[in-house]
Amino acid sequence: MRRIVESAAAHGRQRNEVGMMHAQPGDHLIVEGRTDTTPRREGTIVEVHGDDGAPPYLVRWDDGHEGVLFPGPDAHIRSRS
């Protein structure tokens, strides 16, 4: 588990000691495409519904639509600061 947390930190991902995502409103959520034909998706976290910044998140995607999601392993958070 330690290696995953260190790798996430090295890439600017926000995760706590057990590997859970941590975000706050205004942070950016990036979901990498899973295949060559699936584009990367980016959005802004509007609301955090979990405890202490944990998912689920209400995200406003760059195309304007909003949705609540639990990010998977292909997602990472970019802090607004």
PDB file of N, CA and C in Angstrom:
ATOM      1  N   MET A   1       0.820  -1.183   0.000  1.00  0.00           N
ATOM      2  CA  MET A   1       0.000   0.000   0.000  1.00  0.00           C
ATOM      3  C   MET A   1       0.870   1.256   0.000  1.00  0.00           C
ATOM      4  N   ARG A   2       1.938   1.246   0.722  1.00  0.00           N
ATOM      5  CA  ARG A   2       2.811   2.418   0.804  1.00  0.00           C
ATOM      6  C   ARG A   2       3.276   2.844  -0.587  1.00  0.00           C
ATOM      7  N   ARG A   3       3.624   1.900  -1.426  1.00  0.00           N
ATOM      8  CA  ARG A   3       4.115   2.219  -2.764  1.00  0.00           C
ATOM      9  C   ARG A   3       3.049   2.942  -3.585  1.00  0.00           C
ATOM     10  N   ILE A   4       1.794   2.509  -3.469  1.00  0.00           N
ATOM     11  CA  ILE A   4       0.702   3.167  -4.189  1.00  0.00           C
ATOM     12  C   ILE A   4       0.540   4.598  -3.713  1.00  0.00           C
ATOM     13  N   VAL A   5       0.590   4.826  -2.411  1.00  0.00           N
ATOM     14  CA  VAL A   5       0.439   6.172  -1.868  1.00  0.00           C
ATOM     15  C   VAL A   5       1.581   7.059  -2.330  1.00  0.00           C
ATOM     16  N   GLU A   6       2.799   6.544  -2.297  1.00  0.00           N
ATOM     17  CA  GLU A   6       3.946   7.338  -2.749  1.00  0.00           C
ATOM     18  C   GLU A   6       3.826   7.654  -4.232  1.00  0.00           C
ATOM     19  N   SER A   7       3.421   6.708  -5.043  1.00  0.00           N
ATOM     20  CA  SER A   7       3.260   6.935  -6.470  1.00  0.00           C
ATOM     21  C   SER A   7       2.195   7.981  -6.729  1.00  0.00           C
ATOM     22  N   ALA A   8       1.082   7.917  -6.011  1.00  0.00           N
ATOM     23  CA  ALA A   8       0.016   8.897  -6.177  1.00  0.00           C
ATOM     24  C   ALA A   8       0.520  10.283  -5.805  1.00  0.00           C
ATOM     25  N   ALA A   9       1.270  10.390  -4.718  1.00  0.00           N
ATOM     26  CA  ALA A   9       1.789  11.686  -4.291  1.00  0.00           C
ATOM     27  C   ALA A   9       2.769  12.244  -5.315  1.00  0.00           C
ATOM     28  N   ALA A  10       3.569  11.384  -5.910  1.00  0.00           N
ATOM     29  CA  ALA A  10       4.540  11.829  -6.895  1.00  0.00           C
ATOM     30  C   ALA A  10       3.876  12.404  -8.133  1.00  0.00           C
ATOM     31  N   HIS A  11       2.647  12.009  -8.410  1.00  0.00           N
ATOM     32  CA  HIS A  11       1.935  12.499  -9.583  1.00  0.00           C
ATOM     33  C   HIS A  11       0.917  13.569  -9.236  1.00  0.00           C
ATOM     34  N   GLY A  12       0.993  14.159  -8.039  1.00  0.00           N
ATOM     35  CA  GLY A  12       0.104  15.234  -7.647  1.00  0.00           C
ATOM     36  C   GLY A  12      -1.278  14.784  -7.243  1.00  0.00           C
ATOM     37  N   ARG A  13      -1.468  13.515  -7.050  1.00  0.00           N
ATOM     38  CA  ARG A  13      -2.776  13.004  -6.647  1.00  0.00           C
ATOM     39  C   ARG A  13      -2.949  13.189  -5.156  1.00  0.00           C
ATOM     40  N   GLN A  14      -4.161  13.511  -4.757  1.00  0.00           N
ATOM     41  CA  GLN A  14      -4.462  13.710  -3.348  1.00  0.00           C
ATOM     42  C   GLN A  14      -5.027  12.424  -2.766  1.00  0.00           C
ATOM     43  N   ARG A  15      -4.252  11.737  -1.927  1.00  0.00           N
ATOM     44  CA  ARG A  15      -4.712  10.516  -1.271  1.00  0.00           C
ATOM     45  C   ARG A  15      -4.222  10.530   0.165  1.00  0.00           C
ATOM     46  N   ASN A  16      -4.991   9.915   1.062  1.00  0.00           N
ATOM     47  CA  ASN A  16      -4.552   9.840   2.449  1.00  0.00           C
ATOM     48  C   ASN A  16      -3.702   8.592   2.660  1.00  0.00           C
ATOM     49  N   GLU A  17      -3.376   8.288   3.918  1.00  0.00           N
ATOM     50  CA  GLU A  17      -2.456   7.184   4.209  1.00  0.00           C
ATOM     51  C   GLU A  17      -2.952   5.816   3.763  1.00  0.00           C
ATOM     52  N   VAL A  18      -4.246   5.599   3.668  1.00  0.00           N
ATOM     53  CA  VAL A  18      -4.736   4.293   3.242  1.00  0.00           C
ATOM     54  C   VAL A  18      -5.082   4.270   1.759  1.00  0.00           C
ATOM     55  N   GLY A  19      -4.733   5.307   1.023  1.00  0.00           N
ATOM     56  CA  GLY A  19      -4.935   5.318  -0.411  1.00  0.00           C
ATOM     57  C   GLY A  19      -6.268   5.869  -0.863  1.00  0.00           C
ATOM     58  N   MET A  20      -7.083   6.378   0.062  1.00  0.00           N
ATOM     59  CA  MET A  20      -8.369   6.953  -0.322  1.00  0.00           C
ATOM     60  C   MET A  20      -8.163   8.368  -0.864  1.00  0.00           C
ATOM     61  N   MET A  21      -8.994   8.741  -1.833  1.00  0.00           N
ATOM     62  CA  MET A  21      -8.927  10.093  -2.370  1.00  0.00           C
ATOM     63  C   MET A  21      -9.379  11.104  -1.334  1.00  0.00           C
ATOM     64  N   HIS A  22      -8.814  12.287  -1.427  1.00  0.00           N
ATOM     65  CA  HIS A  22      -9.178  13.403  -0.565  1.00  0.00           C
ATOM     66  C   HIS A  22      -9.262  14.637  -1.447  1.00  0.00           C
ATOM     67  N   ALA A  23     -10.412  15.318  -1.406  1.00  0.00           N
ATOM     68  CA  ALA A  23     -10.600  16.505  -2.245  1.00  0.00           C
ATOM     69  C   ALA A  23     -11.442  17.525  -1.510  1.00  0.00           C
ATOM     70  N   GLN A  24     -11.489  18.704  -2.086  1.00  0.00           N
ATOM     71  CA  GLN A  24     -12.359  19.758  -1.582  1.00  0.00           C
ATOM     72  C   GLN A  24     -12.972  20.482  -2.765  1.00  0.00           C
ATOM     73  N   PRO A  25     -14.095  21.161  -2.540  1.00  0.00           N
ATOM     74  CA  PRO A  25     -14.723  21.876  -3.654  1.00  0.00           C
ATOM     75  C   PRO A  25     -13.721  22.829  -4.317  1.00  0.00           C
ATOM     76  N   GLY A  26     -13.758  22.828  -5.643  1.00  0.00           N
ATOM     77  CA  GLY A  26     -12.831  23.648  -6.414  1.00  0.00           C
ATOM     78  C   GLY A  26     -11.657  22.875  -6.979  1.00  0.00           C
ATOM     79  N   ASP A  27     -11.357  21.708  -6.399  1.00  0.00           N
ATOM     80  CA  ASP A  27     -10.293  20.865  -6.949  1.00  0.00           C
ATOM     81  C   ASP A  27     -10.744  20.303  -8.296  1.00  0.00           C
ATOM     82  N   HIS A  28      -9.784  19.901  -9.098  1.00  0.00           N
ATOM     83  CA  HIS A  28     -10.081  19.330 -10.413  1.00  0.00           C
ATOM     84  C   HIS A  28      -9.946  17.813 -10.364  1.00  0.00           C
ATOM     85  N   LEU A  29     -10.906  17.129 -10.967  1.00  0.00           N
ATOM     86  CA  LEU A  29     -10.877  15.675 -11.078  1.00  0.00           C
ATOM     87  C   LEU A  29     -10.534  15.321 -12.511  1.00  0.00           C
ATOM     88  N   ILE A  30      -9.523  14.500 -12.690  1.00  0.00           N
ATOM     89  CA  ILE A  30      -9.099  14.041 -14.013  1.00  0.00           C
ATOM     90  C   ILE A  30      -9.282  12.537 -14.061  1.00  0.00           C
ATOM     91  N   VAL A  31     -10.007  12.065 -15.060  1.00  0.00           N
ATOM     92  CA  VAL A  31     -10.200  10.630 -15.271  1.00  0.00           C
ATOM     93  C   VAL A  31      -9.523  10.284 -16.589  1.00  0.00           C
ATOM     94  N   GLU A  32      -8.466   9.505 -16.513  1.00  0.00           N
ATOM     95  CA  GLU A  32      -7.717   9.130 -17.707  1.00  0.00           C
ATOM     96  C   GLU A  32      -8.532   8.157 -18.558  1.00  0.00           C
ATOM     97  N   GLY A  33      -8.373   8.244 -19.863  1.00  0.00           N
ATOM     98  CA  GLY A  33      -9.038   7.306 -20.756  1.00  0.00           C
ATOM     99  C   GLY A  33      -8.502   5.904 -20.548  1.00  0.00           C
ATOM    100  N   ARG A  34      -9.388   4.935 -20.594  1.00  0.00           N
ATOM    101  CA  ARG A  34      -8.970   3.543 -20.377  1.00  0.00           C
ATOM    102  C   ARG A  34      -8.419   2.891 -21.634  1.00  0.00           C
ATOM    103  N   THR A  35      -8.777   3.427 -22.785  1.00  0.00           N
ATOM    104  CA  THR A  35      -8.295   2.874 -24.048  1.00  0.00           C
ATOM    105  C   THR A  35      -7.839   4.017 -24.947  1.00  0.00           C
ATOM    106  N   ASP A  36      -7.282   3.683 -26.094  1.00  0.00           N
ATOM    107  CA  ASP A  36      -6.838   4.701 -27.048  1.00  0.00           C
ATOM    108  C   ASP A  36      -7.992   5.544 -27.579  1.00  0.00           C
ATOM    109  N   THR A  37      -9.182   4.970 -27.596  1.00  0.00           N
ATOM    110  CA  THR A  37     -10.330   5.681 -28.159  1.00  0.00           C
ATOM    111  C   THR A  37     -11.192   6.368 -27.094  1.00  0.00           C
ATOM    112  N   THR A  38     -10.848   6.202 -25.822  1.00  0.00           N
ATOM    113  CA  THR A  38     -11.592   6.852 -24.744  1.00  0.00           C
ATOM    114  C   THR A  38     -10.841   8.107 -24.322  1.00  0.00           C
ATOM    115  N   PRO A  39     -11.445   9.268 -24.474  1.00  0.00           N
ATOM    116  CA  PRO A  39     -10.730  10.499 -24.124  1.00  0.00           C
ATOM    117  C   PRO A  39     -10.635  10.714 -22.620  1.00  0.00           C
ATOM    118  N   ARG A  40      -9.669  11.484 -22.240  1.00  0.00           N
ATOM    119  CA  ARG A  40      -9.510  11.920 -20.859  1.00  0.00           C
ATOM    120  C   ARG A  40     -10.680  12.845 -20.522  1.00  0.00           C
ATOM    121  N   ARG A  41     -11.214  12.741 -19.297  1.00  0.00           N
ATOM    122  CA  ARG A  41     -12.296  13.619 -18.857  1.00  0.00           C
ATOM    123  C   ARG A  41     -11.793  14.469 -17.699  1.00  0.00           C
ATOM    124  N   GLU A  42     -12.177  15.741 -17.728  1.00  0.00           N
ATOM    125  CA  GLU A  42     -11.781  16.646 -16.654  1.00  0.00           C
ATOM    126  C   GLU A  42     -12.991  17.420 -16.171  1.00  0.00           C
ATOM    127  N   GLY A  43     -13.011  17.681 -14.877  1.00  0.00           N
ATOM    128  CA  GLY A  43     -14.100  18.445 -14.298  1.00  0.00           C
ATOM    129  C   GLY A  43     -13.689  19.074 -12.983  1.00  0.00           C
ATOM    130  N   THR A  44     -14.576  19.886 -12.448  1.00  0.00           N
ATOM    131  CA  THR A  44     -14.344  20.570 -11.187  1.00  0.00           C
ATOM    132  C   THR A  44     -15.248  19.964 -10.119  1.00  0.00           C
ATOM    133  N   ILE A  45     -14.680  19.685  -8.972  1.00  0.00           N
ATOM    134  CA  ILE A  45     -15.465  19.145  -7.865  1.00  0.00           C
ATOM    135  C   ILE A  45     -16.287  20.284  -7.268  1.00  0.00           C
ATOM    136  N   VAL A  46     -17.609  20.107  -7.297  1.00  0.00           N
ATOM    137  CA  VAL A  46     -18.535  21.119  -6.810  1.00  0.00           C
ATOM    138  C   VAL A  46     -18.887  20.856  -5.343  1.00  0.00           C
ATOM    139  N   GLU A  47     -19.120  19.582  -5.011  1.00  0.00           N
ATOM    140  CA  GLU A  47     -19.461  19.199  -3.643  1.00  0.00           C
ATOM    141  C   GLU A  47     -18.743  17.903  -3.282  1.00  0.00           C
ATOM    142  N   VAL A  48     -18.395  17.795  -2.006  1.00  0.00           N
ATOM    143  CA  VAL A  48     -17.806  16.571  -1.456  1.00  0.00           C
ATOM    144  C   VAL A  48     -18.841  15.977  -0.515  1.00  0.00           C
ATOM    145  N   HIS A  49     -19.290  14.764  -0.808  1.00  0.00           N
ATOM    146  CA  HIS A  49     -20.348  14.134  -0.021  1.00  0.00           C
ATOM    147  C   HIS A  49     -19.831  13.168   1.038  1.00  0.00           C
ATOM    148  N   GLY A  50     -18.565  12.808   1.001  1.00  0.00           N
ATOM    149  CA  GLY A  50     -17.997  11.895   1.991  1.00  0.00           C
ATOM    150  C   GLY A  50     -17.384  12.648   3.153  1.00  0.00           C
ATOM    151  N   ASP A  51     -16.983  11.903   4.159  1.00  0.00           N
ATOM    152  CA  ASP A  51     -16.340  12.479   5.338  1.00  0.00           C
ATOM    153  C   ASP A  51     -14.891  12.850   5.031  1.00  0.00           C
ATOM    154  N   ASP A  52     -14.445  13.971   5.552  1.00  0.00           N
ATOM    155  CA  ASP A  52     -13.041  14.407   5.447  1.00  0.00           C
ATOM    156  C   ASP A  52     -12.514  14.420   4.022  1.00  0.00           C
ATOM    157  N   GLY A  53     -13.331  14.850   3.068  1.00  0.00           N
ATOM    158  CA  GLY A  53     -12.890  14.975   1.685  1.00  0.00           C
ATOM    159  C   GLY A  53     -12.961  13.707   0.867  1.00  0.00           C
ATOM    160  N   ALA A  54     -13.569  12.662   1.414  1.00  0.00           N
ATOM    161  CA  ALA A  54     -13.674  11.378   0.706  1.00  0.00           C
ATOM    162  C   ALA A  54     -14.854  11.402  -0.271  1.00  0.00           C
ATOM    163  N   PRO A  55     -14.812  10.535  -1.296  1.00  0.00           N
ATOM    164  CA  PRO A  55     -15.932  10.430  -2.239  1.00  0.00           C
ATOM    165  C   PRO A  55     -17.204   9.971  -1.523  1.00  0.00           C
ATOM    166  N   PRO A  56     -18.323  10.153  -2.183  1.00  0.00           N
ATOM    167  CA  PRO A  56     -18.522  10.568  -3.574  1.00  0.00           C
ATOM    168  C   PRO A  56     -18.417  12.084  -3.745  1.00  0.00           C
ATOM    169  N   TYR A  57     -18.195  12.484  -5.001  1.00  0.00           N
ATOM    170  CA  TYR A  57     -18.065  13.888  -5.371  1.00  0.00           C
ATOM    171  C   TYR A  57     -19.118  14.257  -6.408  1.00  0.00           C
ATOM    172  N   LEU A  58     -19.650  15.473  -6.276  1.00  0.00           N
ATOM    173  CA  LEU A  58     -20.458  16.043  -7.346  1.00  0.00           C
ATOM    174  C   LEU A  58     -19.476  16.793  -8.225  1.00  0.00           C
ATOM    175  N   VAL A  59     -19.414  16.404  -9.498  1.00  0.00           N
ATOM    176  CA  VAL A  59     -18.437  16.968 -10.434  1.00  0.00           C
ATOM    177  C   VAL A  59     -19.162  17.666 -11.571  1.00  0.00           C
ATOM    178  N   ARG A  60     -18.699  18.881 -11.898  1.00  0.00           N
ATOM    179  CA  ARG A  60     -19.165  19.574 -13.094  1.00  0.00           C
ATOM    180  C   ARG A  60     -18.088  19.354 -14.171  1.00  0.00           C
ATOM    181  N   TRP A  61     -18.445  18.551 -15.156  1.00  0.00           N
ATOM    182  CA  TRP A  61     -17.504  18.192 -16.215  1.00  0.00           C
ATOM    183  C   TRP A  61     -17.313  19.367 -17.168  1.00  0.00           C
ATOM    184  N   ASP A  62     -16.218  19.348 -17.894  1.00  0.00           N
ATOM    185  CA  ASP A  62     -15.895  20.432 -18.826  1.00  0.00           C
ATOM    186  C   ASP A  62     -16.962  20.647 -19.887  1.00  0.00           C
ATOM    187  N   ASP A  63     -17.751  19.616 -20.189  1.00  0.00           N
ATOM    188  CA  ASP A  63     -18.809  19.785 -21.188  1.00  0.00           C
ATOM    189  C   ASP A  63     -20.089  20.381 -20.581  1.00  0.00           C
ATOM    190  N   GLY A  64     -20.070  20.683 -19.259  1.00  0.00           N
ATOM    191  CA  GLY A  64     -21.181  21.362 -18.621  1.00  0.00           C
ATOM    192  C   GLY A  64     -22.113  20.482 -17.808  1.00  0.00           C
ATOM    193  N   HIS A  65     -22.108  19.178 -18.046  1.00  0.00           N
ATOM    194  CA  HIS A  65     -23.028  18.351 -17.253  1.00  0.00           C
ATOM    195  C   HIS A  65     -22.406  18.018 -15.898  1.00  0.00           C
ATOM    196  N   GLU A  66     -23.274  17.658 -14.946  1.00  0.00           N
ATOM    197  CA  GLU A  66     -22.842  17.329 -13.593  1.00  0.00           C
ATOM    198  C   GLU A  66     -23.238  15.903 -13.249  1.00  0.00           C
ATOM    199  N   GLY A  67     -22.483  15.300 -12.386  1.00  0.00           N
ATOM    200  CA  GLY A  67     -22.800  13.955 -11.933  1.00  0.00           C
ATOM    201  C   GLY A  67     -22.081  13.642 -10.632  1.00  0.00           C
ATOM    202  N   VAL A  68     -22.662  12.727  -9.866  1.00  0.00           N
ATOM    203  CA  VAL A  68     -22.049  12.255  -8.626  1.00  0.00           C
ATOM    204  C   VAL A  68     -21.312  10.963  -8.927  1.00  0.00           C
ATOM    205  N   LEU A  69     -20.083  10.841  -8.445  1.00  0.00           N
ATOM    206  CA  LEU A  69     -19.347   9.615  -8.708  1.00  0.00           C
ATOM    207  C   LEU A  69     -18.364   9.281  -7.605  1.00  0.00           C
ATOM    208  N   PHE A  70     -18.032   8.010  -7.556  1.00  0.00           N
ATOM    209  CA  PHE A  70     -16.928   7.481  -6.764  1.00  0.00           C
ATOM    210  C   PHE A  70     -15.803   7.237  -7.760  1.00  0.00           C
ATOM    211  N   PRO A  71     -14.730   8.030  -7.747  1.00  0.00           N
ATOM    212  CA  PRO A  71     -13.654   7.854  -8.723  1.00  0.00           C
ATOM    213  C   PRO A  71     -12.981   6.492  -8.602  1.00  0.00           C
ATOM    214  N   GLY A  72     -12.589   5.943  -9.745  1.00  0.00           N
ATOM    215  CA  GLY A  72     -11.877   4.682  -9.798  1.00  0.00           C
ATOM    216  C   GLY A  72     -10.378   4.887  -9.833  1.00  0.00           C
ATOM    217  N   PRO A  73      -9.628   3.822 -10.076  1.00  0.00           N
ATOM    218  CA  PRO A  73      -8.170   3.900 -10.074  1.00  0.00           C
ATOM    219  C   PRO A  73      -7.589   4.697 -11.237  1.00  0.00           C
ATOM    220  N   ASP A  74      -8.412   4.989 -12.242  1.00  0.00           N
ATOM    221  CA  ASP A  74      -7.936   5.776 -13.377  1.00  0.00           C
ATOM    222  C   ASP A  74      -8.147   7.269 -13.167  1.00  0.00           C
ATOM    223  N   ALA A  75      -8.542   7.681 -11.953  1.00  0.00           N
ATOM    224  CA  ALA A  75      -8.815   9.080 -11.653  1.00  0.00           C
ATOM    225  C   ALA A  75      -7.796   9.634 -10.665  1.00  0.00           C
ATOM    226  N   HIS A  76      -7.564  10.937 -10.758  1.00  0.00           N
ATOM    227  CA  HIS A  76      -6.744  11.616  -9.766  1.00  0.00           C
ATOM    228  C   HIS A  76      -7.231  13.050  -9.585  1.00  0.00           C
ATOM    229  N   ILE A  77      -6.836  13.649  -8.485  1.00  0.00           N
ATOM    230  CA  ILE A  77      -7.259  14.984  -8.099  1.00  0.00           C
ATOM    231  C   ILE A  77      -6.092  15.943  -8.303  1.00  0.00           C
ATOM    232  N   ARG A  78      -6.399  17.095  -8.866  1.00  0.00           N
ATOM    233  CA  ARG A  78      -5.413  18.183  -8.939  1.00  0.00           C
ATOM    234  C   ARG A  78      -5.964  19.296  -8.051  1.00  0.00           C
ATOM    235  N   SER A  79      -5.209  19.642  -7.027  1.00  0.00           N
ATOM    236  CA  SER A  79      -5.633  20.658  -6.082  1.00  0.00           C
ATOM    237  C   SER A  79      -5.777  22.007  -6.788  1.00  0.00           C
ATOM    238  N   ARG A  80      -6.733  22.797  -6.338  1.00  0.00           N
ATOM    239  CA  ARG A  80      -6.968  24.107  -6.968  1.00  0.00           C
ATOM    240  C   ARG A  80      -5.857  25.075  -6.661  1.00  0.00           C
ATOM    241  N   SER A  81      -5.069  24.827  -5.620  1.00  0.00           N
ATOM    242  CA  SER A  81      -4.002  25.773  -5.262  1.00  0.00           C
ATOM    243  C   SER A  81      -2.701  25.495  -5.961  1.00  0.00           C
TER     244      SER A  81
END
